[in-house]
């Protein structure tokens, strides 16, 4: 035990022993500079240098982008580029889901139409051939299927501007109280649910028999693209969005076989 203590004392004394470092001119042997040193001073000096270098390296890693290249350092979720890519991927996944839902809804609708058409063909009776051919007058039959369908009013109110195809006003403007819900006129699939500068929040629905209904200037849209809706189900809230709107109202359009129809012929607002 005494030897160990004695060794420690000797080591401390060695650390305190001083040395002189002399710098001389090699030709004249003239003393240029001299430094008084000890092992303790040398250890202290190099320790301080080591600490300063360590702090500089750590600061360089923390406050510069180089940390991204160090394996296992930092959280990838805090990387702005990763977050931006993640947001874009999530958006694309959502759009893909909406598109699949939309296609599935259209498929179900058209399957129902094909089934009805097939039943009609199966139940049709063949024409009997008349031996005595004669020309018979065939009475006119209205083939507009819209006259045979039942629609639910999208909203009840006062028509402020009617259908004027010559002025490219392909629908009617209906005034109704604030926060009035807008309803789907039939079962269908949401074709689009989006915002535009002129028409504001706009929603359109694909119905059976190639019928499309369009609802413009809403304050809020309650359905997303691809969603299935039932007749009378709320799809939006009446509003005043878009540059073409000058007050709270619903601009409603009814299209059949790609042509606009006058909604006032089929709806009593």
Protein backbone atom coordinates (compact mmCIF):
# COMPACT_ATOMS: atom_id res chain seq x y z
CA UNK A 1 0.00 0.00 0.00
CA UNK A 2 2.89 2.33 0.87
CA UNK A 3 4.61 1.53 -2.40
CA UNK A 4 1.49 2.42 -4.38
CA UNK A 5 1.17 5.73 -2.52
CA UNK A 6 4.85 6.40 -3.02
CA UNK A 7 4.54 5.73 -6.77
CA UNK A 8 1.66 8.19 -7.02
CA UNK A 9 3.70 10.85 -5.23
CA UNK A 10 6.66 10.26 -7.53
CA UNK A 11 4.41 10.48 -10.60
CA UNK A 12 2.98 13.81 -9.44
CA UNK A 13 6.49 15.11 -8.83
CA UNK A 14 7.50 14.08 -12.34
CA UNK A 15 4.53 15.96 -13.73
CA UNK A 16 5.71 19.07 -11.92
CA UNK A 17 9.32 18.73 -12.98
CA UNK A 18 10.21 21.57 -15.28
CA UNK A 19 12.18 21.48 -18.50
CA UNK A 20 13.49 24.21 -20.70
CA UNK A 21 13.04 24.12 -24.44
CA UNK A 22 15.69 26.23 -26.14
CA UNK A 23 15.65 27.25 -29.79
CA UNK A 24 19.14 28.11 -31.07
CA UNK A 25 20.67 29.31 -34.29
CA UNK A 26 22.37 26.32 -35.81
CA UNK A 27 25.30 28.33 -37.18
CA UNK A 28 26.00 30.80 -34.40
CA UNK A 29 24.53 28.77 -31.56
CA UNK A 30 22.81 31.93 -30.45
CA UNK A 31 19.82 31.33 -28.23
CA UNK A 32 16.75 32.57 -30.08
CA UNK A 33 13.92 31.52 -27.76
CA UNK A 34 13.44 29.42 -24.65
CA UNK A 35 10.37 27.94 -23.08
CA UNK A 36 9.89 26.60 -19.59
CA UNK A 37 7.77 23.45 -19.77
CA UNK A 38 6.51 20.66 -17.57
CA UNK A 39 4.72 17.40 -18.30
CA UNK A 40 1.64 18.78 -16.55
CA UNK A 41 1.63 21.84 -18.80
CA UNK A 42 2.00 19.68 -21.89
CA UNK A 43 -0.86 17.38 -20.82
CA UNK A 44 -3.03 20.37 -20.03
CA UNK A 45 -2.29 22.05 -23.37
CA UNK A 46 -3.07 18.97 -25.47
CA UNK A 47 -6.19 18.23 -23.41
CA UNK A 48 -7.53 21.72 -24.11
CA UNK A 49 -6.75 21.34 -27.83
CA UNK A 50 -8.51 17.97 -27.85
CA UNK A 51 -11.62 19.39 -26.13
CA UNK A 52 -11.77 22.34 -28.55
CA UNK A 53 -11.45 20.06 -31.58
CA UNK A 54 -14.16 17.77 -30.21
CA UNK A 55 -16.54 20.70 -29.70
CA UNK A 56 -15.85 21.99 -33.21
CA UNK A 57 -16.50 18.55 -34.76
CA UNK A 58 -19.71 18.05 -32.78
CA UNK A 59 -20.95 21.55 -33.71
CA UNK A 60 -20.09 20.92 -37.35
CA UNK A 61 -22.13 17.71 -37.31
CA UNK A 62 -25.13 19.20 -35.48
CA UNK A 63 -25.47 22.49 -37.35
CA UNK A 64 -24.60 21.43 -40.90
CA UNK A 65 -26.32 19.03 -43.37
CA UNK A 66 -23.38 16.62 -43.11
CA UNK A 67 -25.21 14.82 -40.32
CA UNK A 68 -27.54 13.33 -42.97
CA UNK A 69 -24.64 11.29 -44.32
CA UNK A 70 -23.74 9.76 -40.95
CA UNK A 71 -25.33 6.31 -40.64
CA UNK A 72 -27.75 6.07 -37.72
CA UNK A 73 -27.62 9.78 -36.87
CA UNK A 74 -30.83 11.78 -36.60
CA UNK A 75 -34.42 10.87 -37.43
CA UNK A 76 -35.34 10.53 -41.09
CA UNK A 77 -38.82 11.83 -40.26
CA UNK A 78 -37.34 15.27 -39.56
CA UNK A 79 -35.79 15.47 -43.04
CA UNK A 80 -37.73 18.12 -45.06
CA UNK A 81 -37.14 16.29 -48.34
CA UNK A 82 -38.41 13.04 -46.87
CA UNK A 83 -41.50 14.76 -45.45
CA UNK A 84 -42.22 16.40 -48.82
CA UNK A 85 -41.92 13.08 -50.66
CA UNK A 86 -44.05 11.37 -48.01
CA UNK A 87 -46.79 13.99 -48.42
CA UNK A 88 -46.75 13.58 -52.21
CA UNK A 89 -46.96 9.78 -51.94
CA UNK A 90 -49.89 10.02 -49.51
CA UNK A 91 -51.66 12.43 -51.88
CA UNK A 92 -51.15 10.08 -54.84
CA UNK A 93 -52.41 7.13 -52.79
CA UNK A 94 -55.54 9.09 -51.83
CA UNK A 95 -56.14 10.07 -55.47
CA UNK A 96 -55.69 6.43 -56.53
CA UNK A 97 -58.18 5.26 -53.89
CA UNK A 98 -60.72 7.87 -55.04
CA UNK A 99 -60.22 6.85 -58.66
CA UNK A 100 -60.72 3.16 -57.84
CA UNK A 101 -63.84 4.00 -55.83
CA UNK A 102 -65.16 6.12 -58.70
CA UNK A 103 -64.56 3.37 -61.27
CA UNK A 104 -66.15 0.79 -58.97
CA UNK A 105 -69.21 3.01 -58.53
CA UNK A 106 -69.57 3.56 -62.27
CA UNK A 107 -69.21 -0.16 -62.87
CA UNK A 108 -72.02 -0.91 -60.42
CA UNK A 109 -74.23 1.74 -62.01
CA UNK A 110 -73.67 0.54 -65.56
CA UNK A 111 -74.07 -3.09 -64.49
CA UNK A 112 -77.49 -2.13 -63.16
CA UNK A 113 -78.35 -0.40 -66.45
CA UNK A 114 -77.20 -3.38 -68.51
CA UNK A 115 -79.26 -5.72 -66.32
CA UNK A 116 -82.40 -3.62 -66.81
CA UNK A 117 -81.77 -3.50 -70.54
CA UNK A 118 -81.26 -7.24 -70.67
CA UNK A 119 -84.53 -7.86 -68.81
CA UNK A 120 -86.34 -5.56 -71.23
CA UNK A 121 -84.95 -7.43 -74.23
CA UNK A 122 -85.78 -10.82 -72.69
CA UNK A 123 -89.37 -9.78 -72.01
CA UNK A 124 -89.87 -8.27 -75.45
CA UNK A 125 -92.40 -10.09 -77.69
CA UNK A 126 -91.48 -10.78 -81.33
CA UNK A 127 -93.55 -9.03 -83.97
CA UNK A 128 -95.91 -11.23 -85.86
CA UNK A 129 -95.68 -11.11 -89.61
CA UNK A 130 -98.87 -9.90 -91.21
CA UNK A 131 -99.61 -11.72 -94.41
CA UNK A 132 -101.58 -8.74 -95.66
CA UNK A 133 -98.97 -6.05 -95.40
CA UNK A 134 -100.38 -2.67 -94.84
CA UNK A 135 -99.07 0.72 -93.94
CA UNK A 136 -100.20 1.68 -90.48
CA UNK A 137 -99.87 5.08 -88.88
CA UNK A 138 -97.52 4.85 -85.91
CA UNK A 139 -98.41 7.31 -83.12
CA UNK A 140 -95.61 9.62 -81.82
CA UNK A 141 -94.03 8.39 -78.60
CA UNK A 142 -91.99 10.70 -76.38
CA UNK A 143 -88.64 8.96 -75.92
CA UNK A 144 -87.26 11.45 -73.39
CA UNK A 145 -86.55 9.25 -70.40
CA UNK A 146 -86.39 12.29 -68.11
CA UNK A 147 -90.19 12.53 -68.26
CA UNK A 148 -90.47 9.05 -66.77
CA UNK A 149 -88.02 9.54 -63.89
CA UNK A 150 -88.63 10.88 -60.40
CA UNK A 151 -86.24 13.56 -59.20
CA UNK A 152 -85.72 15.06 -55.76
CA UNK A 153 -85.33 18.83 -55.62
CA UNK A 154 -81.70 19.73 -54.91
CA UNK A 155 -82.99 22.71 -52.92
CA UNK A 156 -86.27 24.56 -52.38
CA UNK A 157 -86.23 28.27 -53.09
CA UNK A 158 -86.82 31.02 -55.63
CA UNK A 159 -85.44 30.85 -59.17
CA UNK A 160 -83.57 34.13 -59.73
CA UNK A 161 -82.29 33.32 -63.22
CA UNK A 162 -83.59 30.67 -65.55
CA UNK A 163 -82.21 28.40 -68.22
CA UNK A 164 -80.91 30.45 -71.18
CA UNK A 165 -78.92 28.34 -73.59
CA UNK A 166 -78.38 31.28 -75.98
CA UNK A 167 -76.51 33.10 -73.18
CA UNK A 168 -74.66 29.91 -72.23
CA UNK A 169 -76.50 29.79 -68.91
CA UNK A 170 -77.00 26.03 -68.90
CA UNK A 171 -78.89 25.83 -65.61
CA UNK A 172 -80.97 27.75 -63.10
CA UNK A 173 -79.98 29.91 -60.13
CA UNK A 174 -82.00 29.13 -57.00
CA UNK A 175 -82.02 31.42 -53.96
CA UNK A 176 -82.32 29.71 -50.57
CA UNK A 177 -81.51 30.54 -46.91
CA UNK A 178 -77.94 30.41 -45.62
CA UNK A 179 -76.62 26.96 -44.60
CA UNK A 180 -79.32 25.16 -46.61
CA UNK A 181 -78.15 21.62 -47.53
CA UNK A 182 -77.93 20.72 -51.23
CA UNK A 183 -79.32 17.26 -52.04
CA UNK A 184 -78.59 14.73 -54.75
CA UNK A 185 -81.49 14.46 -57.23
CA UNK A 186 -80.93 10.69 -57.75
CA UNK A 187 -78.65 7.84 -56.82
CA UNK A 188 -75.24 8.19 -58.38
CA UNK A 189 -71.47 8.53 -58.15
CA UNK A 190 -69.57 11.75 -57.51
CA UNK A 191 -67.79 12.61 -60.78
CA UNK A 192 -65.91 15.57 -59.32
CA UNK A 193 -65.78 17.48 -56.06
CA UNK A 194 -63.45 20.42 -56.44
CA UNK A 195 -62.97 24.20 -56.43
CA UNK A 196 -62.48 26.54 -59.38
CA UNK A 197 -61.97 30.30 -59.61
CA UNK A 198 -65.23 31.01 -61.49
CA UNK A 199 -67.66 28.48 -60.01
CA UNK A 200 -66.16 28.07 -56.51
CA UNK A 201 -66.92 24.80 -54.72
CA UNK A 202 -68.51 22.64 -57.40
CA UNK A 203 -69.76 19.06 -57.30
CA UNK A 204 -71.07 16.90 -60.14
CA UNK A 205 -72.81 13.52 -60.03
CA UNK A 206 -73.10 10.76 -62.64
CA UNK A 207 -76.56 9.14 -62.51
CA UNK A 208 -78.00 6.14 -64.39
CA UNK A 209 -79.32 6.60 -67.93
CA UNK A 210 -76.46 8.96 -68.81
CA UNK A 211 -77.77 11.78 -66.61
CA UNK A 212 -75.37 14.23 -64.95
CA UNK A 213 -76.28 16.86 -62.37
CA UNK A 214 -74.00 19.79 -61.47
CA UNK A 215 -74.14 21.98 -58.34
CA UNK A 216 -72.03 25.20 -58.24
CA UNK A 217 -71.07 28.05 -55.83
CA UNK A 218 -71.38 25.93 -52.66
CA UNK A 219 -69.81 27.05 -49.39
CA UNK A 220 -68.88 23.50 -48.32
CA UNK A 221 -68.59 20.19 -50.19
CA UNK A 222 -69.70 17.16 -48.17
CA UNK A 223 -68.67 14.39 -50.60
CA UNK A 224 -65.43 13.39 -52.29
CA UNK A 225 -64.79 12.24 -55.84
CA UNK A 226 -65.79 8.59 -56.29
CA UNK A 227 -68.27 8.52 -53.39
CA UNK A 228 -71.61 6.76 -53.86
CA UNK A 229 -74.65 8.89 -53.00
CA UNK A 230 -78.35 8.17 -52.57
CA UNK A 231 -81.25 10.25 -53.79
CA UNK A 232 -81.96 13.05 -51.30
CA UNK A 233 -78.57 12.70 -49.57
CA UNK A 234 -76.88 16.00 -48.64
CA UNK A 235 -73.82 16.60 -50.83
CA UNK A 236 -73.01 20.29 -50.16
CA UNK A 237 -74.07 23.49 -48.38
CA UNK A 238 -75.42 26.48 -50.32
CA UNK A 239 -72.92 29.31 -50.64
CA UNK A 240 -71.48 32.23 -52.57
CA UNK A 241 -68.08 30.99 -53.79
CA UNK A 242 -66.55 31.79 -57.18
CA UNK A 243 -66.18 34.96 -59.20
CA UNK A 244 -69.42 34.31 -61.13
CA UNK A 245 -71.51 34.43 -57.94
CA UNK A 246 -72.96 37.66 -56.53
CA UNK A 247 -74.88 36.23 -53.57
CA UNK A 248 -75.75 32.99 -51.79
CA UNK A 249 -77.52 30.69 -54.25
CA UNK A 250 -77.28 27.35 -56.04
CA UNK A 251 -76.50 27.16 -59.74
CA UNK A 252 -77.99 23.82 -60.79
CA UNK A 253 -77.50 22.11 -64.16
CA UNK A 254 -79.09 18.95 -65.57
CA UNK A 255 -77.42 17.18 -68.50
CA UNK A 256 -78.80 14.24 -70.49
CA UNK A 257 -76.87 12.41 -73.22
CA UNK A 258 -74.30 15.19 -73.25
CA UNK A 259 -76.81 18.03 -73.71
CA UNK A 260 -78.10 20.55 -71.15
CA UNK A 261 -81.75 20.34 -70.16
CA UNK A 262 -83.97 23.01 -68.60
CA UNK A 263 -84.31 21.94 -64.95
CA UNK A 264 -87.59 23.87 -64.55
CA UNK A 265 -89.27 21.33 -66.84
CA UNK A 266 -88.58 18.56 -64.32
CA UNK A 267 -88.30 20.32 -60.95
CA UNK A 268 -90.62 22.61 -59.00
CA UNK A 269 -88.22 24.64 -56.86
